PDB file of N, CA and C in Angstrom:
ATOM      1  N   MET A   1       0.813  -1.159  -0.057  1.00  0.00           N
ATOM      2  CA  MET A   1      -0.145   0.021  -0.106  1.00  0.00           C
ATOM      3  C   MET A   1       1.065   1.157  -0.251  1.00  0.00           C
ATOM      4  N   PRO A   2       0.415   2.338  -0.709  1.00  0.00           N
ATOM      5  CA  PRO A   2       1.704   3.630  -0.950  1.00  0.00           C
ATOM      6  C   PRO A   2       1.118   4.341   0.625  1.00  0.00           C
ATOM      7  N   LYS A   3       2.152   4.810   0.621  1.00  0.00           N
ATOM      8  CA  LYS A   3       2.553   5.914   1.839  1.00  0.00           C
ATOM      9  C   LYS A   3       1.085   7.466   1.187  1.00  0.00           C
ATOM     10  N   THR A   4       0.836   7.687   2.447  1.00  0.00           N
ATOM     11  CA  THR A   4      -0.441   8.794   1.847  1.00  0.00           C
ATOM     12  C   THR A   4       0.642   9.942   2.401  1.00  0.00           C
ATOM     13  N   ASN A   5      -0.180  10.925   2.291  1.00  0.00           N
ATOM     14  CA  ASN A   5       0.085  12.586   2.506  1.00  0.00           C
ATOM     15  C   ASN A   5      -0.957  12.950   3.081  1.00  0.00           C
ATOM     16  N   ASN A   6      -0.811  14.213   4.161  1.00  0.00           N
ATOM     17  CA  ASN A   6      -2.689  14.143   4.711  1.00  0.00           C
ATOM     18  C   ASN A   6      -3.191  14.690   3.883  1.00  0.00           C
ATOM     19  N   ASN A   7      -2.980  15.158   2.664  1.00  0.00           N
ATOM     20  CA  ASN A   7      -3.555  15.709   1.428  1.00  0.00           C
ATOM     21  C   ASN A   7      -4.370  14.717   0.851  1.00  0.00           C
ATOM     22  N   ASP A   8      -3.911  13.418   0.705  1.00  0.00           N
ATOM     23  CA  ASP A   8      -4.118  12.360  -0.170  1.00  0.00           C
ATOM     24  C   ASP A   8      -5.579  11.821   0.477  1.00  0.00           C
ATOM     25  N   TRP A   9      -6.546  11.107  -0.789  1.00  0.00           N
ATOM     26  CA  TRP A   9      -7.512  10.894  -0.240  1.00  0.00           C
ATOM     27  C   TRP A   9      -7.500   8.733  -1.175  1.00  0.00           C
ATOM     28  N   PHE A  10      -7.759   8.266  -0.480  1.00  0.00           N
ATOM     29  CA  PHE A  10      -8.203   7.243  -1.505  1.00  0.00           C
ATOM     30  C   PHE A  10      -9.381   6.595  -1.152  1.00  0.00           C
ATOM     31  N   VAL A  11      -9.972   5.512  -2.554  1.00  0.00           N
ATOM     32  CA  VAL A  11     -11.220   5.019  -2.917  1.00  0.00           C
ATOM     33  C   VAL A  11     -10.550   3.728  -2.767  1.00  0.00           C
ATOM     34  N   TYR A  12     -11.174   3.091  -2.013  1.00  0.00           N
ATOM     35  CA  TYR A  12     -10.701   1.138  -1.484  1.00  0.00           C
ATOM     36  C   TYR A  12     -11.431   0.300  -1.259  1.00  0.00           C
ATOM     37  N   ILE A  13     -11.207  -0.842  -1.895  1.00  0.00           N
ATOM     38  CA  ILE A  13     -12.239  -1.959  -1.943  1.00  0.00           C
ATOM     39  C   ILE A  13     -11.697  -3.110  -0.739  1.00  0.00           C
ATOM     40  N   VAL A  14     -12.684  -3.686  -0.396  1.00  0.00           N
ATOM     41  CA  VAL A  14     -11.745  -4.676   1.076  1.00  0.00           C
ATOM     42  C   VAL A  14     -12.431  -5.803   0.243  1.00  0.00           C
ATOM     43  N   GLU A  15     -11.350  -6.933   0.293  1.00  0.00           N
ATOM     44  CA  GLU A  15     -12.437  -8.491   0.064  1.00  0.00           C
ATOM     45  C   GLU A  15     -12.465  -8.919   1.556  1.00  0.00           C
ATOM     46  N   ALA A  16     -13.926  -9.230   1.819  1.00  0.00           N
ATOM     47  CA  ALA A  16     -14.023 -10.181   3.491  1.00  0.00           C
ATOM     48  C   ALA A  16     -13.483 -11.788   2.577  1.00  0.00           C
ATOM     49  N   GLU A  17     -13.501 -12.076   4.324  1.00  0.00           N
ATOM     50  CA  GLU A  17     -13.672 -13.408   4.151  1.00  0.00           C
ATOM     51  C   GLU A  17     -14.725 -14.901   2.994  1.00  0.00           C
ATOM     52  N   ASN A  18     -15.731 -13.831   3.461  1.00  0.00           N
ATOM     53  CA  ASN A  18     -16.824 -14.559   2.805  1.00  0.00           C
ATOM     54  C   ASN A  18     -16.854 -14.215   1.348  1.00  0.00           C
ATOM     55  N   GLY A  19     -16.189 -13.537   0.548  1.00  0.00           N
ATOM     56  CA  GLY A  19     -16.167 -13.038  -0.873  1.00  0.00           C
ATOM     57  C   GLY A  19     -16.749 -11.265  -0.930  1.00  0.00           C
ATOM     58  N   ASN A  20     -17.533 -11.256   0.021  1.00  0.00           N
ATOM     59  CA  ASN A  20     -18.044  -9.742   0.176  1.00  0.00           C
ATOM     60  C   ASN A  20     -17.364  -8.601  -0.409  1.00  0.00           C
ATOM     61  N   LEU A  21     -17.684  -7.737  -1.168  1.00  0.00           N
ATOM     62  CA  LEU A  21     -16.887  -6.604  -1.175  1.00  0.00           C
ATOM     63  C   LEU A  21     -17.491  -5.621  -0.529  1.00  0.00           C
ATOM     64  N   TYR A  22     -16.519  -4.629   0.051  1.00  0.00           N
ATOM     65  CA  TYR A  22     -16.541  -3.532   1.225  1.00  0.00           C
ATOM     66  C   TYR A  22     -15.667  -2.444   0.156  1.00  0.00           C
ATOM     67  N   THR A  23     -16.634  -1.073  -0.067  1.00  0.00           N
ATOM     68  CA  THR A  23     -15.964   0.070  -0.852  1.00  0.00           C
ATOM     69  C   THR A  23     -16.055   1.476   0.568  1.00  0.00           C
ATOM     70  N   GLY A  24     -14.918   1.812   0.590  1.00  0.00           N
ATOM     71  CA  GLY A  24     -15.121   2.810   1.332  1.00  0.00           C
ATOM     72  C   GLY A  24     -13.880   4.014   1.080  1.00  0.00           C
ATOM     73  N   ILE A  25     -13.343   5.299   1.933  1.00  0.00           N
ATOM     74  CA  ILE A  25     -12.811   5.925   1.599  1.00  0.00           C
ATOM     75  C   ILE A  25     -11.823   6.436   2.807  1.00  0.00           C
ATOM     76  N   THR A  26     -10.511   6.656   2.973  1.00  0.00           N
ATOM     77  CA  THR A  26      -9.327   7.085   3.728  1.00  0.00           C
ATOM     78  C   THR A  26      -8.235   7.615   3.549  1.00  0.00           C
ATOM     79  N   THR A  27      -7.907   8.495   4.063  1.00  0.00           N
ATOM     80  CA  THR A  27      -6.413   8.894   3.871  1.00  0.00           C
ATOM     81  C   THR A  27      -5.281   8.435   4.450  1.00  0.00           C
ATOM     82  N   ASP A  28      -5.482   7.230   4.825  1.00  0.00           N
ATOM     83  CA  ASP A  28      -4.436   6.128   5.465  1.00  0.00           C
ATOM     84  C   ASP A  28      -4.559   4.884   5.338  1.00  0.00           C
ATOM     85  N   LEU A  29      -4.744   3.852   3.885  1.00  0.00           N
ATOM     86  CA  LEU A  29      -5.208   2.749   3.869  1.00  0.00           C
ATOM     87  C   LEU A  29      -4.598   1.787   4.509  1.00  0.00           C
ATOM     88  N   GLU A  30      -3.419   2.019   5.457  1.00  0.00           N
ATOM     89  CA  GLU A  30      -2.957   0.792   6.034  1.00  0.00           C
ATOM     90  C   GLU A  30      -3.759   1.125   7.408  1.00  0.00           C
ATOM     91  N   ARG A  31      -4.037   1.409   7.965  1.00  0.00           N
ATOM     92  CA  ARG A  31      -4.510   2.260   9.520  1.00  0.00           C
ATOM     93  C   ARG A  31      -6.309   1.724   9.245  1.00  0.00           C
ATOM     94  N   ARG A  32      -6.641   2.092   8.030  1.00  0.00           N
ATOM     95  CA  ARG A  32      -8.280   1.980   7.719  1.00  0.00           C
ATOM     96  C   ARG A  32      -8.328   0.494   7.886  1.00  0.00           C
ATOM     97  N   PHE A  33      -7.498  -0.205   7.051  1.00  0.00           N
ATOM     98  CA  PHE A  33      -7.754  -1.705   7.050  1.00  0.00           C
ATOM     99  C   PHE A  33      -7.116  -2.645   8.155  1.00  0.00           C
ATOM    100  N   ALA A  34      -6.424  -2.119   9.182  1.00  0.00           N
ATOM    101  CA  ALA A  34      -6.307  -2.301  10.231  1.00  0.00           C
ATOM    102  C   ALA A  34      -7.287  -2.074  11.161  1.00  0.00           C
ATOM    103  N   GLU A  35      -7.875  -1.309  11.105  1.00  0.00           N
ATOM    104  CA  GLU A  35      -9.342  -1.241  11.755  1.00  0.00           C
ATOM    105  C   GLU A  35     -10.191  -2.375  11.767  1.00  0.00           C
ATOM    106  N   HIS A  36     -10.394  -2.017   9.990  1.00  0.00           N
ATOM    107  CA  HIS A  36     -11.313  -3.059   9.553  1.00  0.00           C
ATOM    108  C   HIS A  36     -10.944  -4.782  10.335  1.00  0.00           C
ATOM    109  N   GLN A  37      -9.705  -5.103  10.266  1.00  0.00           N
ATOM    110  CA  GLN A  37      -9.705  -6.598  10.388  1.00  0.00           C
ATOM    111  C   GLN A  37      -9.594  -6.733  11.980  1.00  0.00           C
ATOM    112  N   SER A  38      -9.715  -5.344  12.881  1.00  0.00           N
ATOM    113  CA  SER A  38      -9.525  -5.817  14.441  1.00  0.00           C
ATOM    114  C   SER A  38     -10.962  -5.102  14.907  1.00  0.00           C
ATOM    115  N   LYS A  39     -11.777  -5.035  13.793  1.00  0.00           N
ATOM    116  CA  LYS A  39     -13.548  -4.388  14.274  1.00  0.00           C
ATOM    117  C   LYS A  39     -13.815  -3.304  15.317  1.00  0.00           C
ATOM    118  N   GLN A  40     -12.332  -2.587  15.611  1.00  0.00           N
ATOM    119  CA  GLN A  40     -12.353  -1.929  16.763  1.00  0.00           C
ATOM    120  C   GLN A  40     -12.602  -0.302  15.358  1.00  0.00           C
ATOM    121  N   GLY A  41     -13.288   0.754  15.443  1.00  0.00           N
ATOM    122  CA  GLY A  41     -13.319   0.933  14.612  1.00  0.00           C
ATOM    123  C   GLY A  41     -13.470   1.163  12.990  1.00  0.00           C
ATOM    124  N   GLY A  42     -13.686  -0.185  12.446  1.00  0.00           N
ATOM    125  CA  GLY A  42     -13.769  -0.889  11.354  1.00  0.00           C
ATOM    126  C   GLY A  42     -15.375  -0.571  10.851  1.00  0.00           C
ATOM    127  N   ALA A  43     -15.832  -0.547   9.733  1.00  0.00           N
ATOM    128  CA  ALA A  43     -17.250  -1.006   9.284  1.00  0.00           C
ATOM    129  C   ALA A  43     -18.096  -2.090  10.003  1.00  0.00           C
ATOM    130  N   ARG A  44     -19.019  -1.958  10.249  1.00  0.00           N
ATOM    131  CA  ARG A  44     -19.834  -2.988  11.090  1.00  0.00           C
ATOM    132  C   ARG A  44     -19.858  -4.069   9.749  1.00  0.00           C
ATOM    133  N   PHE A  45     -19.810  -3.824   8.237  1.00  0.00           N
ATOM    134  CA  PHE A  45     -19.783  -4.868   7.648  1.00  0.00           C
ATOM    135  C   PHE A  45     -18.944  -5.990   7.765  1.00  0.00           C
ATOM    136  N   PHE A  46     -17.985  -5.999   8.785  1.00  0.00           N
ATOM    137  CA  PHE A  46     -16.801  -6.995   8.518  1.00  0.00           C
ATOM    138  C   PHE A  46     -17.420  -7.769  10.212  1.00  0.00           C
ATOM    139  N   HIS A  47     -18.636  -7.255  11.016  1.00  0.00           N
ATOM    140  CA  HIS A  47     -18.696  -8.095  12.071  1.00  0.00           C
ATOM    141  C   HIS A  47     -19.075  -9.577  11.560  1.00  0.00           C
ATOM    142  N   THR A  48     -19.866  -9.751  10.719  1.00  0.00           N
ATOM    143  CA  THR A  48     -20.002 -10.966  10.520  1.00  0.00           C
ATOM    144  C   THR A  48     -19.308 -12.065   9.732  1.00  0.00           C
ATOM    145  N   SER A  49     -18.149 -11.232   8.373  1.00  0.00           N
ATOM    146  CA  SER A  49     -17.057 -11.853   8.394  1.00  0.00           C
ATOM    147  C   SER A  49     -15.729 -11.060   7.931  1.00  0.00           C
ATOM    148  N   ALA A  50     -14.777 -11.246   8.585  1.00  0.00           N
ATOM    149  CA  ALA A  50     -13.298 -10.693   9.012  1.00  0.00           C
ATOM    150  C   ALA A  50     -12.956  -9.626   7.356  1.00  0.00           C
ATOM    151  N   ALA A  51     -12.229  -9.232   7.529  1.00  0.00           N
ATOM    152  CA  ALA A  51     -11.749  -8.043   5.987  1.00  0.00           C
ATOM    153  C   ALA A  51     -10.357  -9.033   6.031  1.00  0.00           C
ATOM    154  N   LYS A  52     -10.463 -10.042   4.962  1.00  0.00           N
ATOM    155  CA  LYS A  52      -9.376 -10.532   3.883  1.00  0.00           C
ATOM    156  C   LYS A  52      -7.891  -9.679   3.662  1.00  0.00           C
ATOM    157  N   ARG A  53      -8.542  -8.929   2.555  1.00  0.00           N
ATOM    158  CA  ARG A  53      -7.439  -8.412   1.963  1.00  0.00           C
ATOM    159  C   ARG A  53      -8.524  -7.047   1.342  1.00  0.00           C
ATOM    160  N   MET A  54      -6.990  -6.000   0.788  1.00  0.00           N
ATOM    161  CA  MET A  54      -7.338  -4.646  -0.083  1.00  0.00           C
ATOM    162  C   MET A  54      -7.341  -5.265  -1.180  1.00  0.00           C
ATOM    163  N   VAL A  55      -8.183  -5.510  -1.719  1.00  0.00           N
ATOM    164  CA  VAL A  55      -8.028  -5.580  -3.429  1.00  0.00           C
ATOM    165  C   VAL A  55      -7.714  -4.543  -4.671  1.00  0.00           C
ATOM    166  N   PHE A  56      -8.129  -3.260  -3.758  1.00  0.00           N
ATOM    167  CA  PHE A  56      -8.308  -2.343  -4.628  1.00  0.00           C
ATOM    168  C   PHE A  56      -8.158  -1.150  -4.187  1.00  0.00           C
ATOM    169  N   HIS A  57      -7.207   0.329  -4.681  1.00  0.00           N
ATOM    170  CA  HIS A  57      -7.086   1.397  -4.266  1.00  0.00           C
ATOM    171  C   HIS A  57      -6.859   1.747  -5.190  1.00  0.00           C
ATOM    172  N   GLU A  58      -7.354   3.423  -5.545  1.00  0.00           N
ATOM    173  CA  GLU A  58      -6.855   4.620  -6.360  1.00  0.00           C
ATOM    174  C   GLU A  58      -7.095   6.100  -5.378  1.00  0.00           C
ATOM    175  N   PRO A  59      -6.299   7.085  -5.740  1.00  0.00           N
ATOM    176  CA  PRO A  59      -5.656   7.887  -5.156  1.00  0.00           C
ATOM    177  C   PRO A  59      -6.659   9.045  -5.306  1.00  0.00           C
ATOM    178  N   HIS A  60      -6.938   9.994  -4.870  1.00  0.00           N
ATOM    179  CA  HIS A  60      -8.031  11.091  -5.143  1.00  0.00           C
ATOM    180  C   HIS A  60      -7.312  12.521  -4.355  1.00  0.00           C
ATOM    181  N   PRO A  61      -7.388  13.519  -5.567  1.00  0.00           N
ATOM    182  CA  PRO A  61      -6.441  15.162  -4.366  1.00  0.00           C
ATOM    183  C   PRO A  61      -7.489  15.478  -3.609  1.00  0.00           C
ATOM    184  N   ASP A  62      -8.329  15.112  -3.228  1.00  0.00           N
ATOM    185  CA  ASP A  62      -9.551  15.290  -2.332  1.00  0.00           C
ATOM    186  C   ASP A  62     -10.873  14.495  -1.613  1.00  0.00           C
ATOM    187  N   ARG A  63     -11.422  14.803  -0.651  1.00  0.00           N
ATOM    188  CA  ARG A  63     -12.550  14.131   0.236  1.00  0.00           C
ATOM    189  C   ARG A  63     -13.348  14.304  -1.224  1.00  0.00           C
ATOM    190  N   SER A  64     -13.782  15.351  -1.338  1.00  0.00           N
ATOM    191  CA  SER A  64     -14.719  15.506  -2.102  1.00  0.00           C
ATOM    192  C   SER A  64     -14.962  14.540  -3.571  1.00  0.00           C
ATOM    193  N   SER A  65     -13.829  14.108  -4.252  1.00  0.00           N
ATOM    194  CA  SER A  65     -13.547  13.358  -5.264  1.00  0.00           C
ATOM    195  C   SER A  65     -13.758  12.009  -4.983  1.00  0.00           C
ATOM    196  N   ALA A  66     -13.046  11.902  -3.674  1.00  0.00           N
ATOM    197  CA  ALA A  66     -12.922  10.518  -3.223  1.00  0.00           C
ATOM    198  C   ALA A  66     -14.953   9.816  -3.194  1.00  0.00           C
ATOM    199  N   SER A  67     -15.486  10.624  -2.379  1.00  0.00           N
ATOM    200  CA  SER A  67     -16.333  10.478  -1.872  1.00  0.00           C
ATOM    201  C   SER A  67     -17.593  10.090  -3.057  1.00  0.00           C
ATOM    202  N   LYS A  68     -17.486  10.815  -4.682  1.00  0.00           N
ATOM    203  CA  LYS A  68     -17.709  10.710  -5.474  1.00  0.00           C
ATOM    204  C   LYS A  68     -17.549   9.901  -6.247  1.00  0.00           C
ATOM    205  N   ARG A  69     -16.722   9.229  -6.098  1.00  0.00           N
ATOM    206  CA  ARG A  69     -16.038   8.375  -6.464  1.00  0.00           C
ATOM    207  C   ARG A  69     -16.425   6.401  -6.265  1.00  0.00           C
ATOM    208  N   GLU A  70     -16.477   6.740  -4.506  1.00  0.00           N
ATOM    209  CA  GLU A  70     -16.911   6.037  -3.936  1.00  0.00           C
ATOM    210  C   GLU A  70     -18.719   5.258  -4.426  1.00  0.00           C
ATOM    211  N   ALA A  71     -19.075   6.418  -4.299  1.00  0.00           N
ATOM    212  CA  ALA A  71     -20.859   6.291  -4.644  1.00  0.00           C
ATOM    213  C   ALA A  71     -21.146   5.801  -5.777  1.00  0.00           C
ATOM    214  N   ALA A  72     -19.862   6.138  -6.813  1.00  0.00           N
ATOM    215  CA  ALA A  72     -20.224   5.475  -7.942  1.00  0.00           C
ATOM    216  C   ALA A  72     -19.836   4.269  -8.164  1.00  0.00           C
ATOM    217  N   ILE A  73     -18.425   3.756  -7.467  1.00  0.00           N
ATOM    218  CA  ILE A  73     -18.375   2.585  -7.428  1.00  0.00           C
ATOM    219  C   ILE A  73     -19.411   1.396  -6.633  1.00  0.00           C
ATOM    220  N   LYS A  74     -20.170   1.629  -5.864  1.00  0.00           N
ATOM    221  CA  LYS A  74     -21.084   1.370  -4.494  1.00  0.00           C
ATOM    222  C   LYS A  74     -22.449   0.814  -5.674  1.00  0.00           C
ATOM    223  N   LYS A  75     -22.236   1.606  -6.540  1.00  0.00           N
ATOM    224  CA  LYS A  75     -23.551   1.539  -7.668  1.00  0.00           C
ATOM    225  C   LYS A  75     -23.892   0.247  -8.769  1.00  0.00           C
ATOM    226  N   LEU A  76     -21.810  -0.003  -8.791  1.00  0.00           N
ATOM    227  CA  LEU A  76     -21.782  -0.858  -9.904  1.00  0.00           C
ATOM    228  C   LEU A  76     -22.346  -2.282  -9.083  1.00  0.00           C
ATOM    229  N   SER A  77     -22.747  -3.314 -10.240  1.00  0.00           N
ATOM    230  CA  SER A  77     -22.415  -4.424 -10.168  1.00  0.00           C
ATOM    231  C   SER A  77     -21.436  -5.187  -9.889  1.00  0.00           C
ATOM    232  N   ARG A  78     -21.783  -6.350  -8.966  1.00  0.00           N
ATOM    233  CA  ARG A  78     -20.805  -7.081  -8.840  1.00  0.00           C
ATOM    234  C   ARG A  78     -19.889  -7.128  -9.497  1.00  0.00           C
ATOM    235  N   LYS A  79     -19.957  -7.684 -10.481  1.00  0.00           N
ATOM    236  CA  LYS A  79     -19.287  -8.220 -11.941  1.00  0.00           C
ATOM    237  C   LYS A  79     -18.436  -7.251 -12.170  1.00  0.00           C
ATOM    238  N   ALA A  80     -19.339  -6.053 -12.307  1.00  0.00           N
ATOM    239  CA  ALA A  80     -18.542  -4.558 -12.610  1.00  0.00           C
ATOM    240  C   ALA A  80     -17.498  -4.432 -12.054  1.00  0.00           C
ATOM    241  N   LYS A  81     -17.415  -4.522 -10.615  1.00  0.00           N
ATOM    242  CA  LYS A  81     -16.714  -4.234  -9.510  1.00  0.00           C
ATOM    243  C   LYS A  81     -15.330  -5.005  -9.399  1.00  0.00           C
ATOM    244  N   ILE A  82     -15.683  -6.552  -9.441  1.00  0.00           N
ATOM    245  CA  ILE A  82     -14.589  -7.462 -10.076  1.00  0.00           C
ATOM    246  C   ILE A  82     -13.485  -7.156 -11.575  1.00  0.00           C
ATOM    247  N   ALA A  83     -14.596  -6.249 -12.586  1.00  0.00           N
ATOM    248  CA  ALA A  83     -13.674  -6.218 -13.682  1.00  0.00           C
ATOM    249  C   ALA A  83     -13.014  -4.915 -13.418  1.00  0.00           C
ATOM    250  N   LEU A  84     -13.446  -4.111 -12.409  1.00  0.00           N
ATOM    251  CA  LEU A  84     -12.488  -2.965 -12.057  1.00  0.00           C
ATOM    252  C   LEU A  84     -11.364  -3.260 -10.894  1.00  0.00           C
ATOM    253  N   ILE A  85     -11.127  -4.144 -10.159  1.00  0.00           N
ATOM    254  CA  ILE A  85     -10.312  -4.605  -9.487  1.00  0.00           C
ATOM    255  C   ILE A  85      -9.505  -5.217 -10.568  1.00  0.00           C
ATOM    256  N   GLU A  86      -9.561  -6.523 -11.536  1.00  0.00           N
ATOM    257  CA  GLU A  86      -8.593  -6.984 -12.483  1.00  0.00           C
ATOM    258  C   GLU A  86      -8.254  -6.320 -13.107  1.00  0.00           C
ATOM    259  N   ASN A  87      -8.775  -4.742 -13.672  1.00  0.00           N
ATOM    260  CA  ASN A  87      -7.951  -4.193 -14.451  1.00  0.00           C
ATOM    261  C   ASN A  87      -7.324  -3.180 -13.790  1.00  0.00           C
ATOM    262  N   SER A  88      -7.457  -2.878 -12.782  1.00  0.00           N
ATOM    263  CA  SER A  88      -6.484  -1.898 -12.082  1.00  0.00           C
ATOM    264  C   SER A  88      -5.073  -2.345 -11.558  1.00  0.00           C
TER     265      SER A  88
END
């Protein structure tokens, strides 16, 4: 995972143990993934199936653009998300 600036935002996708995909945004990929794995400060999404691995991330210059991209990715079908991951 890339080191981050305080000004950098990332959209990311994490695969859970059960194969489901979670999309989010953060300024620190390593910290956020650790939070998801520990279930302390992570998303409730991972309470039923643990975070397995980060499968996608892309940088954005600000929170606004990261949030817009996150919303667009969340609207994609699972098949489209897998294609996005494979093509990154």
